[in-house]
Amino acid sequence: MRDAGHEVQEIRATGGFARSELWPQMLSDVLRTPADFPAAAQGSALGAALMGMNAPGLADSLSHASDLVRIDEVPSP
């Protein structure tokens, strides 16, 4: 993303690998930036639900989505 000229403000990752002690640190090391890991591992399901609500206009925008997620871990490279 940075090489394409985009500013990366935050990286969040979810899923089963996030429960590991090794993989969150490895992701942060490889990306050379802190990565946020939510307390709940079902981030994809929440994202899909919010996208589904946004499409027919049931949600005003997706900008508030990050406020719904509690960050549990932020490993640094």
Foldseek 3Di string as FASTA:
>chain_A
DVVVVDDDDAAEDAADVLVDPPVQQVVQVVVQAKHWYFPDRPPVVLVVVVVVCPVVPNDVDCPCVVVVTHTDDIHHD
